[in-house]
Amino acid sequence: MSRTLPPLNALRAFEAAGRHQSFSRAADELGVSHSAISRHVRGLEARLGVQLFREAARGVALSPEGQHYLQRITPALDVIGEATEGLADAPAGRVVVNSEPVFATKIVIPILAKFQQDLPGIELRLVGSNDLADLDRYEADLAIRYAKTGALDQPSDLLSDAAIYPFAAPGYLKDDKLRPTDLLERPLLRDRGPNIWIDWVRHAGFDVEVPDNPWRMRAALALEAAVHGAGIYLGASDGTYLDETAGRLVRVSDVGFKQGSFHLLTSGQAGRRKAVRQVRSWLLEHTQALRSGKNQPIG
């Protein structure tokens, strides 16, 4: 039976542009030029006799016909990709992981070399960002995000629920006989908001007022500030493990508590790709120690 099929490259260009609502981002994903995407899309429109995109304030937007076509084309390309990967001996391709910056820097980056050894056919593109990627629009295949209580509002895997403790640079507190409440007289740094020092005081059972700390910064910067002796950092022990073992940070109190956890989210359609499933399994395997409560090395 003869099939009416447009060129595959044109379909790939349209599908990527439709998901991203952007020719530029589609070009980046497919590794071609903006003009190539535009040329393929215009050629497809001419072949089909319909307008697939319309001009928008920020680039392009799908027309109603384009939206309907995209909903049919995306699953079809996923099936083709899944069938093709199924014939391969090992997973291959690019997998984009969007991660909260501290988790990316302190946990994923240190084991990146091992990832490259274990899965050499997969290009892992790690993006550190506090903004959650839109997995439904394929802005990332996997996303690592923090949930303060419980789980996220979409399917996810638990990566880490490490406890929170105060840390400082070695020698920052010269008096080893300091009471826990004396820590509050120093510059206070934290890795999440609102002020979790209030929660630390409550869990410790202290009846003291927590100083208001007007110095606000991202978690990664707050941690580095503590490493360089600028204050006491209150944060999860998964993100501080490497600095502790390297002697750059020491735990300055045994008073700790759990609050929230990191989760791994998988894009619904991308999760059908063998490479994405392999990266997900690898990340869960190599962060298992973070879920054991033992604060052991990962890898």
C-alpha atoms as a PDB file:
ATOM      1  CA  MET A   1       0.000   0.000   0.000  1.00  0.00           C
ATOM      2  CA  SER A   2       1.358   3.357  -1.014  1.00  0.00           C
ATOM      3  CA  ARG A   3       1.693   5.941   1.790  1.00  0.00           C
ATOM      4  CA  THR A   4       1.525   9.709   1.505  1.00  0.00           C
ATOM      5  CA  LEU A   5       4.555  10.697   3.551  1.00  0.00           C
ATOM      6  CA  PRO A   6       6.412  14.005   3.596  1.00  0.00           C
ATOM      7  CA  PRO A   7      10.221  13.999   3.993  1.00  0.00           C
ATOM      8  CA  LEU A   8      11.324  12.765   7.409  1.00  0.00           C
ATOM      9  CA  ASN A   9      13.662  15.747   7.943  1.00  0.00           C
ATOM     10  CA  ALA A  10      10.736  18.107   7.391  1.00  0.00           C
ATOM     11  CA  LEU A  11       8.635  16.219   9.937  1.00  0.00           C
ATOM     12  CA  ARG A  12      11.460  16.278  12.493  1.00  0.00           C
ATOM     13  CA  ALA A  13      11.949  20.020  11.975  1.00  0.00           C
ATOM     14  CA  PHE A  14       8.234  20.743  12.330  1.00  0.00           C
ATOM     15  CA  GLU A  15       7.822  18.497  15.369  1.00  0.00           C
ATOM     16  CA  ALA A  16      10.773  20.055  17.231  1.00  0.00           C
ATOM     17  CA  ALA A  17       9.672  23.598  16.346  1.00  0.00           C
ATOM     18  CA  GLY A  18       6.132  22.813  17.438  1.00  0.00           C
ATOM     19  CA  ARG A  19       7.177  21.402  20.800  1.00  0.00           C
ATOM     20  CA  HIS A  20       9.440  24.343  21.572  1.00  0.00           C
ATOM     21  CA  GLN A  21       7.294  26.983  19.864  1.00  0.00           C
ATOM     22  CA  SER A  22      10.629  28.228  18.554  1.00  0.00           C
ATOM     23  CA  PHE A  23      12.653  27.678  15.395  1.00  0.00           C
ATOM     24  CA  SER A  24      15.870  28.600  17.220  1.00  0.00           C
ATOM     25  CA  ARG A  25      15.418  26.021  19.975  1.00  0.00           C
ATOM     26  CA  ALA A  26      14.410  23.403  17.443  1.00  0.00           C
ATOM     27  CA  ALA A  27      17.593  24.153  15.502  1.00  0.00           C
ATOM     28  CA  ASP A  28      19.651  23.734  18.679  1.00  0.00           C
ATOM     29  CA  GLU A  29      18.011  20.399  19.475  1.00  0.00           C
ATOM     30  CA  LEU A  30      18.539  18.984  15.999  1.00  0.00           C
ATOM     31  CA  GLY A  31      21.980  20.503  15.487  1.00  0.00           C
ATOM     32  CA  VAL A  32      21.069  22.476  12.374  1.00  0.00           C
ATOM     33  CA  SER A  33      20.664  26.158  11.514  1.00  0.00           C
ATOM     34  CA  HIS A  34      17.619  28.321  12.135  1.00  0.00           C
ATOM     35  CA  SER A  35      17.244  28.768   8.382  1.00  0.00           C
ATOM     36  CA  ALA A  36      17.212  25.005   7.857  1.00  0.00           C
ATOM     37  CA  ILE A  37      14.296  24.625  10.276  1.00  0.00           C
ATOM     38  CA  SER A  38      12.444  27.458   8.591  1.00  0.00           C
ATOM     39  CA  ARG A  39      13.075  25.981   5.141  1.00  0.00           C
ATOM     40  CA  HIS A  40      11.822  22.537   6.139  1.00  0.00           C
ATOM     41  CA  VAL A  41       8.706  23.953   7.806  1.00  0.00           C
ATOM     42  CA  ARG A  42       7.824  26.208   4.871  1.00  0.00           C
ATOM     43  CA  GLY A  43       8.336  23.311   2.485  1.00  0.00           C
ATOM     44  CA  LEU A  44       6.065  21.108   4.603  1.00  0.00           C
ATOM     45  CA  GLU A  45       3.391  23.811   4.678  1.00  0.00           C
ATOM     46  CA  ALA A  46       3.553  24.106   0.907  1.00  0.00           C
ATOM     47  CA  ARG A  47       3.284  20.331   0.525  1.00  0.00           C
ATOM     48  CA  LEU A  48       0.309  20.055   2.892  1.00  0.00           C
ATOM     49  CA  GLY A  49      -1.380  23.248   1.732  1.00  0.00           C
ATOM     50  CA  VAL A  50      -1.955  24.524   5.289  1.00  0.00           C
ATOM     51  CA  GLN A  51      -0.304  27.062   7.571  1.00  0.00           C
ATOM     52  CA  LEU A  52       1.257  25.225  10.508  1.00  0.00           C
ATOM     53  CA  PHE A  53       2.625  28.259  12.360  1.00  0.00           C
ATOM     54  CA  ARG A  54       1.639  31.875  12.867  1.00  0.00           C
ATOM     55  CA  GLU A  55       3.705  34.807  14.015  1.00  0.00           C
ATOM     56  CA  ALA A  56       3.673  35.446  17.768  1.00  0.00           C
ATOM     57  CA  ALA A  57       5.050  38.054  20.150  1.00  0.00           C
ATOM     58  CA  ARG A  58       7.888  35.713  21.081  1.00  0.00           C
ATOM     59  CA  GLY A  59       8.754  33.828  17.926  1.00  0.00           C
ATOM     60  CA  VAL A  60       6.099  31.521  16.502  1.00  0.00           C
ATOM     61  CA  ALA A  61       2.994  29.672  17.672  1.00  0.00           C
ATOM     62  CA  LEU A  62       1.170  26.703  16.225  1.00  0.00           C
ATOM     63  CA  SER A  63      -1.968  27.289  14.200  1.00  0.00           C
ATOM     64  CA  PRO A  64      -4.988  25.080  15.063  1.00  0.00           C
ATOM     65  CA  GLU A  65      -4.065  22.845  12.121  1.00  0.00           C
ATOM     66  CA  GLY A  66      -0.452  22.766  13.296  1.00  0.00           C
ATOM     67  CA  GLN A  67      -1.484  21.857  16.831  1.00  0.00           C
ATOM     68  CA  HIS A  68      -3.618  18.974  15.580  1.00  0.00           C
ATOM     69  CA  TYR A  69      -0.831  17.751  13.294  1.00  0.00           C
ATOM     70  CA  LEU A  70       1.748  17.929  16.086  1.00  0.00           C
ATOM     71  CA  GLN A  71      -0.432  15.817  18.381  1.00  0.00           C
ATOM     72  CA  ARG A  72      -0.441  13.082  15.747  1.00  0.00           C
ATOM     73  CA  ILE A  73       3.155  13.389  14.571  1.00  0.00           C
ATOM     74  CA  THR A  74       4.933  13.382  17.955  1.00  0.00           C
ATOM     75  CA  PRO A  75       3.732   9.896  19.026  1.00  0.00           C
ATOM     76  CA  ALA A  76       4.523   8.557  15.555  1.00  0.00           C
ATOM     77  CA  LEU A  77       8.108   9.823  15.687  1.00  0.00           C
ATOM     78  CA  ASP A  78       8.422   8.451  19.227  1.00  0.00           C
ATOM     79  CA  VAL A  79       7.386   5.015  17.983  1.00  0.00           C
ATOM     80  CA  ILE A  80       9.913   5.171  15.131  1.00  0.00           C
ATOM     81  CA  GLY A  81      12.657   6.248  17.528  1.00  0.00           C
ATOM     82  CA  GLU A  82      11.755   3.558  20.063  1.00  0.00           C
ATOM     83  CA  ALA A  83      11.715   0.857  17.383  1.00  0.00           C
ATOM     84  CA  THR A  84      15.093   2.014  16.058  1.00  0.00           C
ATOM     85  CA  GLU A  85      16.663   2.096  19.516  1.00  0.00           C
ATOM     86  CA  GLY A  86      15.295  -1.367  20.158  1.00  0.00           C
ATOM     87  CA  LEU A  87      17.569  -2.741  17.431  1.00  0.00           C
ATOM     88  CA  ALA A  88      20.695  -1.191  18.946  1.00  0.00           C
ATOM     89  CA  ASP A  89      22.951  -3.139  21.286  1.00  0.00           C
ATOM     90  CA  ALA A  90      23.366  -0.185  23.641  1.00  0.00           C
ATOM     91  CA  PRO A  91      21.439   3.056  24.267  1.00  0.00           C
ATOM     92  CA  ALA A  92      22.677   6.137  22.454  1.00  0.00           C
ATOM     93  CA  GLY A  93      21.728   9.753  21.884  1.00  0.00           C
ATOM     94  CA  ARG A  94      21.509  12.986  23.815  1.00  0.00           C
ATOM     95  CA  VAL A  95      19.705  13.158  27.147  1.00  0.00           C
ATOM     96  CA  VAL A  96      19.020  16.548  28.751  1.00  0.00           C
ATOM     97  CA  VAL A  97      18.839  16.665  32.551  1.00  0.00           C
ATOM     98  CA  ASN A  98      17.582  19.894  34.119  1.00  0.00           C
ATOM     99  CA  SER A  99      18.738  20.062  37.745  1.00  0.00           C
ATOM    100  CA  GLU A 100      18.617  22.294  40.777  1.00  0.00           C
ATOM    101  CA  PRO A 101      22.116  23.885  40.807  1.00  0.00           C
ATOM    102  CA  VAL A 102      23.473  22.552  44.124  1.00  0.00           C
ATOM    103  CA  PHE A 103      22.434  18.992  43.289  1.00  0.00           C
ATOM    104  CA  ALA A 104      23.994  19.324  39.840  1.00  0.00           C
ATOM    105  CA  THR A 105      27.262  20.797  41.121  1.00  0.00           C
ATOM    106  CA  LYS A 106      27.802  18.757  44.267  1.00  0.00           C
ATOM    107  CA  ILE A 107      26.273  15.400  43.345  1.00  0.00           C
ATOM    108  CA  VAL A 108      25.969  14.855  39.580  1.00  0.00           C
ATOM    109  CA  ILE A 109      29.145  16.574  38.331  1.00  0.00           C
ATOM    110  CA  PRO A 110      31.464  14.566  40.647  1.00  0.00           C
ATOM    111  CA  ILE A 111      30.204  11.283  39.135  1.00  0.00           C
ATOM    112  CA  LEU A 112      29.994  12.537  35.542  1.00  0.00           C
ATOM    113  CA  ALA A 113      33.260  10.843  34.546  1.00  0.00           C
ATOM    114  CA  LYS A 114      31.914   7.510  35.769  1.00  0.00           C
ATOM    115  CA  PHE A 115      28.748   8.094  33.762  1.00  0.00           C
ATOM    116  CA  GLN A 116      30.832   8.605  30.628  1.00  0.00           C
ATOM    117  CA  GLN A 117      32.622   5.329  31.303  1.00  0.00           C
ATOM    118  CA  ASP A 118      29.448   3.367  31.990  1.00  0.00           C
ATOM    119  CA  LEU A 119      27.300   4.806  29.178  1.00  0.00           C
ATOM    120  CA  PRO A 120      29.723   6.054  26.516  1.00  0.00           C
ATOM    121  CA  GLY A 121      27.071   6.164  23.784  1.00  0.00           C
ATOM    122  CA  ILE A 122      24.933   8.726  25.614  1.00  0.00           C
ATOM    123  CA  GLU A 123      25.660  12.447  25.609  1.00  0.00           C
ATOM    124  CA  LEU A 124      24.464  13.763  28.974  1.00  0.00           C
ATOM    125  CA  ARG A 125      23.647  17.450  28.776  1.00  0.00           C
ATOM    126  CA  LEU A 126      23.319  18.774  32.339  1.00  0.00           C
ATOM    127  CA  VAL A 127      21.555  22.113  32.795  1.00  0.00           C
ATOM    128  CA  GLY A 128      21.696  23.750  36.243  1.00  0.00           C
ATOM    129  CA  SER A 129      18.655  25.944  36.831  1.00  0.00           C
ATOM    130  CA  ASN A 130      16.247  26.936  39.583  1.00  0.00           C
ATOM    131  CA  ASP A 131      13.483  27.148  36.963  1.00  0.00           C
ATOM    132  CA  LEU A 132      11.616  23.919  36.357  1.00  0.00           C
ATOM    133  CA  ALA A 133      11.879  22.811  32.741  1.00  0.00           C
ATOM    134  CA  ASP A 134       8.638  22.099  30.925  1.00  0.00           C
ATOM    135  CA  LEU A 135       8.924  18.362  30.341  1.00  0.00           C
ATOM    136  CA  ASP A 136       5.724  18.303  28.310  1.00  0.00           C
ATOM    137  CA  ARG A 137       7.403  20.560  25.744  1.00  0.00           C
ATOM    138  CA  TYR A 138      10.621  18.506  25.779  1.00  0.00           C
ATOM    139  CA  GLU A 139      12.677  21.296  27.383  1.00  0.00           C
ATOM    140  CA  ALA A 140      14.394  18.436  29.197  1.00  0.00           C
ATOM    141  CA  ASP A 141      14.144  14.663  29.298  1.00  0.00           C
ATOM    142  CA  LEU A 142      14.699  14.431  33.048  1.00  0.00           C
ATOM    143  CA  ALA A 143      14.444  17.040  35.806  1.00  0.00           C
ATOM    144  CA  ILE A 144      15.820  17.023  39.354  1.00  0.00           C
ATOM    145  CA  ARG A 145      13.740  19.133  41.694  1.00  0.00           C
ATOM    146  CA  TYR A 146      13.292  19.774  45.405  1.00  0.00           C
ATOM    147  CA  ALA A 147       9.949  19.280  47.156  1.00  0.00           C
ATOM    148  CA  LYS A 148       9.604  20.793  50.620  1.00  0.00           C
ATOM    149  CA  THR A 149       6.913  18.350  51.733  1.00  0.00           C
ATOM    150  CA  GLY A 150       5.888  15.017  50.277  1.00  0.00           C
ATOM    151  CA  ALA A 151       6.271  14.318  46.585  1.00  0.00           C
ATOM    152  CA  LEU A 152       5.864  16.490  43.518  1.00  0.00           C
ATOM    153  CA  ASP A 153       2.538  16.732  41.704  1.00  0.00           C
ATOM    154  CA  GLN A 154       3.682  14.437  38.901  1.00  0.00           C
ATOM    155  CA  PRO A 155       5.298  10.982  38.729  1.00  0.00           C
ATOM    156  CA  SER A 156       8.837  11.039  40.114  1.00  0.00           C
ATOM    157  CA  ASP A 157      11.528   8.986  41.846  1.00  0.00           C
ATOM    158  CA  LEU A 158      13.050   9.888  45.203  1.00  0.00           C
ATOM    159  CA  LEU A 159      16.739  10.793  44.848  1.00  0.00           C
ATOM    160  CA  SER A 160      17.684  12.110  48.283  1.00  0.00           C
ATOM    161  CA  ASP A 161      16.064  13.002  51.589  1.00  0.00           C
ATOM    162  CA  ALA A 162      19.243  13.806  53.530  1.00  0.00           C
ATOM    163  CA  ALA A 163      18.971  15.610  56.864  1.00  0.00           C
ATOM    164  CA  ILE A 164      19.851  19.281  57.357  1.00  0.00           C
ATOM    165  CA  TYR A 165      22.706  20.359  59.666  1.00  0.00           C
ATOM    166  CA  PRO A 166      24.762  23.518  60.269  1.00  0.00           C
ATOM    167  CA  PHE A 167      28.223  23.598  58.702  1.00  0.00           C
ATOM    168  CA  ALA A 168      31.173  25.990  58.784  1.00  0.00           C
ATOM    169  CA  ALA A 169      34.736  26.210  57.538  1.00  0.00           C
ATOM    170  CA  PRO A 170      37.317  24.482  59.784  1.00  0.00           C
ATOM    171  CA  GLY A 171      38.494  26.858  62.479  1.00  0.00           C
ATOM    172  CA  TYR A 172      35.651  29.304  61.892  1.00  0.00           C
ATOM    173  CA  LEU A 173      34.355  28.585  65.392  1.00  0.00           C
ATOM    174  CA  LYS A 174      37.542  28.715  67.431  1.00  0.00           C
ATOM    175  CA  ASP A 175      35.802  27.918  70.729  1.00  0.00           C
ATOM    176  CA  ASP A 176      34.863  24.231  70.767  1.00  0.00           C
ATOM    177  CA  LYS A 177      32.727  24.792  73.878  1.00  0.00           C
ATOM    178  CA  LEU A 178      30.207  27.026  72.174  1.00  0.00           C
ATOM    179  CA  ARG A 179      26.590  26.275  72.950  1.00  0.00           C
ATOM    180  CA  PRO A 180      24.346  25.505  69.965  1.00  0.00           C
ATOM    181  CA  THR A 181      22.511  28.781  70.494  1.00  0.00           C
ATOM    182  CA  ASP A 182      25.816  30.658  70.147  1.00  0.00           C
ATOM    183  CA  LEU A 183      25.749  29.755  66.458  1.00  0.00           C
ATOM    184  CA  LEU A 184      22.897  32.195  66.007  1.00  0.00           C
ATOM    185  CA  GLU A 185      25.194  35.097  66.851  1.00  0.00           C
ATOM    186  CA  ARG A 186      27.237  34.477  63.702  1.00  0.00           C
ATOM    187  CA  PRO A 187      26.331  35.290  60.082  1.00  0.00           C
ATOM    188  CA  LEU A 188      23.702  32.724  59.108  1.00  0.00           C
ATOM    189  CA  LEU A 189      23.631  31.192  55.636  1.00  0.00           C
ATOM    190  CA  ARG A 190      21.063  28.745  54.318  1.00  0.00           C
ATOM    191  CA  ASP A 191      20.325  26.648  51.275  1.00  0.00           C
ATOM    192  CA  ARG A 192      16.568  27.093  51.023  1.00  0.00           C
ATOM    193  CA  GLY A 193      13.876  29.540  52.012  1.00  0.00           C
ATOM    194  CA  PRO A 194      12.045  30.726  53.937  1.00  0.00           C
ATOM    195  CA  ASN A 195      14.413  30.998  56.892  1.00  0.00           C
ATOM    196  CA  ILE A 196      15.003  27.363  57.876  1.00  0.00           C
ATOM    197  CA  TRP A 197      17.100  28.490  60.832  1.00  0.00           C
ATOM    198  CA  ILE A 198      13.744  28.971  62.569  1.00  0.00           C
ATOM    199  CA  ASP A 199      12.961  25.302  61.916  1.00  0.00           C
ATOM    200  CA  TRP A 200      16.404  24.283  63.192  1.00  0.00           C
ATOM    201  CA  VAL A 201      15.828  26.165  66.463  1.00  0.00           C
ATOM    202  CA  ARG A 202      12.395  24.583  66.849  1.00  0.00           C
ATOM    203  CA  HIS A 203      13.708  21.049  66.269  1.00  0.00           C
ATOM    204  CA  ALA A 204      16.507  21.696  68.762  1.00  0.00           C
ATOM    205  CA  GLY A 205      13.973  22.722  71.390  1.00  0.00           C
ATOM    206  CA  PHE A 206      15.503  26.169  71.972  1.00  0.00           C
ATOM    207  CA  ASP A 207      13.357  29.047  73.185  1.00  0.00           C
ATOM    208  CA  VAL A 208      15.299  31.804  71.459  1.00  0.00           C
ATOM    209  CA  GLU A 209      14.620  34.305  68.722  1.00  0.00           C
ATOM    210  CA  VAL A 210      16.283  33.721  65.392  1.00  0.00           C
ATOM    211  CA  PRO A 211      17.984  36.837  63.996  1.00  0.00           C
ATOM    212  CA  ASP A 212      16.565  38.136  60.772  1.00  0.00           C
ATOM    213  CA  ASN A 213      19.123  37.553  58.044  1.00  0.00           C
ATOM    214  CA  PRO A 214      18.764  40.123  55.235  1.00  0.00           C
ATOM    215  CA  TRP A 215      21.592  38.560  53.204  1.00  0.00           C
ATOM    216  CA  ARG A 216      19.795  36.381  50.673  1.00  0.00           C
ATOM    217  CA  MET A 217      21.587  34.341  48.024  1.00  0.00           C
ATOM    218  CA  ARG A 218      21.178  31.177  46.028  1.00  0.00           C
ATOM    219  CA  ALA A 219      21.996  27.919  47.765  1.00  0.00           C
ATOM    220  CA  ALA A 220      25.163  27.277  45.756  1.00  0.00           C
ATOM    221  CA  LEU A 221      26.520  30.718  46.672  1.00  0.00           C
ATOM    222  CA  ALA A 222      25.582  30.333  50.331  1.00  0.00           C
ATOM    223  CA  LEU A 223      27.445  27.031  50.525  1.00  0.00           C
ATOM    224  CA  GLU A 224      30.559  28.505  48.912  1.00  0.00           C
ATOM    225  CA  ALA A 225      30.376  31.489  51.258  1.00  0.00           C
ATOM    226  CA  ALA A 226      30.530  29.102  54.223  1.00  0.00           C
ATOM    227  CA  VAL A 227      33.462  27.214  52.679  1.00  0.00           C
ATOM    228  CA  HIS A 228      35.385  30.497  52.585  1.00  0.00           C
ATOM    229  CA  GLY A 229      34.577  31.413  56.178  1.00  0.00           C
ATOM    230  CA  ALA A 230      31.775  33.929  55.651  1.00  0.00           C
ATOM    231  CA  GLY A 231      29.280  32.343  58.038  1.00  0.00           C
ATOM    232  CA  ILE A 232      27.469  29.206  59.131  1.00  0.00           C
ATOM    233  CA  TYR A 233      25.618  27.295  56.439  1.00  0.00           C
ATOM    234  CA  LEU A 234      22.442  25.377  57.247  1.00  0.00           C
ATOM    235  CA  GLY A 235      21.858  22.829  54.518  1.00  0.00           C
ATOM    236  CA  ALA A 236      21.314  19.216  53.577  1.00  0.00           C
ATOM    237  CA  SER A 237      24.228  16.863  54.123  1.00  0.00           C
ATOM    238  CA  ASP A 238      23.997  15.446  50.593  1.00  0.00           C
ATOM    239  CA  GLY A 239      25.128  18.765  49.108  1.00  0.00           C
ATOM    240  CA  THR A 240      27.919  19.212  51.669  1.00  0.00           C
ATOM    241  CA  TYR A 241      29.372  15.688  51.567  1.00  0.00           C
ATOM    242  CA  LEU A 242      32.218  16.421  49.163  1.00  0.00           C
ATOM    243  CA  ASP A 243      33.255  19.570  51.027  1.00  0.00           C
ATOM    244  CA  GLU A 244      33.191  17.654  54.318  1.00  0.00           C
ATOM    245  CA  THR A 245      35.346  14.816  53.033  1.00  0.00           C
ATOM    246  CA  ALA A 246      37.769  17.313  51.481  1.00  0.00           C
ATOM    247  CA  GLY A 247      38.070  19.162  54.804  1.00  0.00           C
ATOM    248  CA  ARG A 248      36.506  22.377  53.531  1.00  0.00           C
ATOM    249  CA  LEU A 249      33.478  22.165  55.831  1.00  0.00           C
ATOM    250  CA  VAL A 250      32.779  20.644  59.247  1.00  0.00           C
ATOM    251  CA  ARG A 251      29.483  19.946  60.941  1.00  0.00           C
ATOM    252  CA  VAL A 252      29.243  22.312  63.900  1.00  0.00           C
ATOM    253  CA  SER A 253      26.228  20.771  65.653  1.00  0.00           C
ATOM    254  CA  ASP A 254      24.646  17.348  65.950  1.00  0.00           C
ATOM    255  CA  VAL A 255      21.220  18.956  65.902  1.00  0.00           C
ATOM    256  CA  GLY A 256      19.660  18.156  62.565  1.00  0.00           C
ATOM    257  CA  PHE A 257      16.277  17.585  60.987  1.00  0.00           C
ATOM    258  CA  LYS A 258      14.720  16.459  57.730  1.00  0.00           C
ATOM    259  CA  GLN A 259      12.767  18.798  55.518  1.00  0.00           C
ATOM    260  CA  GLY A 260      11.874  17.984  51.953  1.00  0.00           C
ATOM    261  CA  SER A 261      13.602  15.832  49.382  1.00  0.00           C
ATOM    262  CA  PHE A 262      15.001  15.774  45.857  1.00  0.00           C
ATOM    263  CA  HIS A 263      13.077  13.939  43.140  1.00  0.00           C
ATOM    264  CA  LEU A 264      13.775  12.817  39.586  1.00  0.00           C
ATOM    265  CA  LEU A 265      11.025  13.623  37.088  1.00  0.00           C
ATOM    266  CA  THR A 266      10.821  11.911  33.709  1.00  0.00           C
ATOM    267  CA  SER A 267       9.162  13.359  30.629  1.00  0.00           C
ATOM    268  CA  GLY A 268       6.265  11.132  29.614  1.00  0.00           C
ATOM    269  CA  GLN A 269       7.141  10.806  25.935  1.00  0.00           C
ATOM    270  CA  ALA A 270      10.919  10.989  26.402  1.00  0.00           C
ATOM    271  CA  GLY A 271      10.678   8.179  28.949  1.00  0.00           C
ATOM    272  CA  ARG A 272       9.982   5.810  26.068  1.00  0.00           C
ATOM    273  CA  ARG A 273      13.523   6.304  24.764  1.00  0.00           C
ATOM    274  CA  LYS A 274      16.019   3.667  25.791  1.00  0.00           C
ATOM    275  CA  ALA A 275      18.712   6.270  26.482  1.00  0.00           C
ATOM    276  CA  VAL A 276      16.440   8.227  28.849  1.00  0.00           C
ATOM    277  CA  ARG A 277      15.414   5.088  30.711  1.00  0.00           C
ATOM    278  CA  GLN A 278      19.072   4.098  31.047  1.00  0.00           C
ATOM    279  CA  VAL A 279      20.073   7.503  32.445  1.00  0.00           C
ATOM    280  CA  ARG A 280      17.179   7.384  34.906  1.00  0.00           C
ATOM    281  CA  SER A 281      18.231   3.932  36.147  1.00  0.00           C
ATOM    282  CA  TRP A 282      21.877   4.993  36.354  1.00  0.00           C
ATOM    283  CA  LEU A 283      21.089   8.100  38.411  1.00  0.00           C
ATOM    284  CA  LEU A 284      18.914   6.117  40.820  1.00  0.00           C
ATOM    285  CA  GLU A 285      21.592   3.460  41.225  1.00  0.00           C
ATOM    286  CA  HIS A 286      24.412   5.926  41.845  1.00  0.00           C
ATOM    287  CA  THR A 287      22.495   8.050  44.337  1.00  0.00           C
ATOM    288  CA  GLN A 288      21.232   5.111  46.379  1.00  0.00           C
ATOM    289  CA  ALA A 289      23.481   6.021  49.311  1.00  0.00           C
ATOM    290  CA  LEU A 290      21.691   9.369  49.608  1.00  0.00           C
ATOM    291  CA  ARG A 291      18.486   7.515  50.455  1.00  0.00           C
ATOM    292  CA  SER A 292      20.094   5.207  53.003  1.00  0.00           C
ATOM    293  CA  GLY A 293      20.483   7.853  55.696  1.00  0.00           C
ATOM    294  CA  LYS A 294      24.164   7.016  56.030  1.00  0.00           C
ATOM    295  CA  ASN A 295      25.583   9.967  54.068  1.00  0.00           C
ATOM    296  CA  GLN A 296      28.002   7.637  52.308  1.00  0.00           C
ATOM    297  CA  PRO A 297      29.902   8.479  49.124  1.00  0.00           C
ATOM    298  CA  ILE A 298      27.932   8.276  45.928  1.00  0.00           C
ATOM    299  CA  GLY A 299      29.139   6.573  42.787  1.00  0.00           C
END
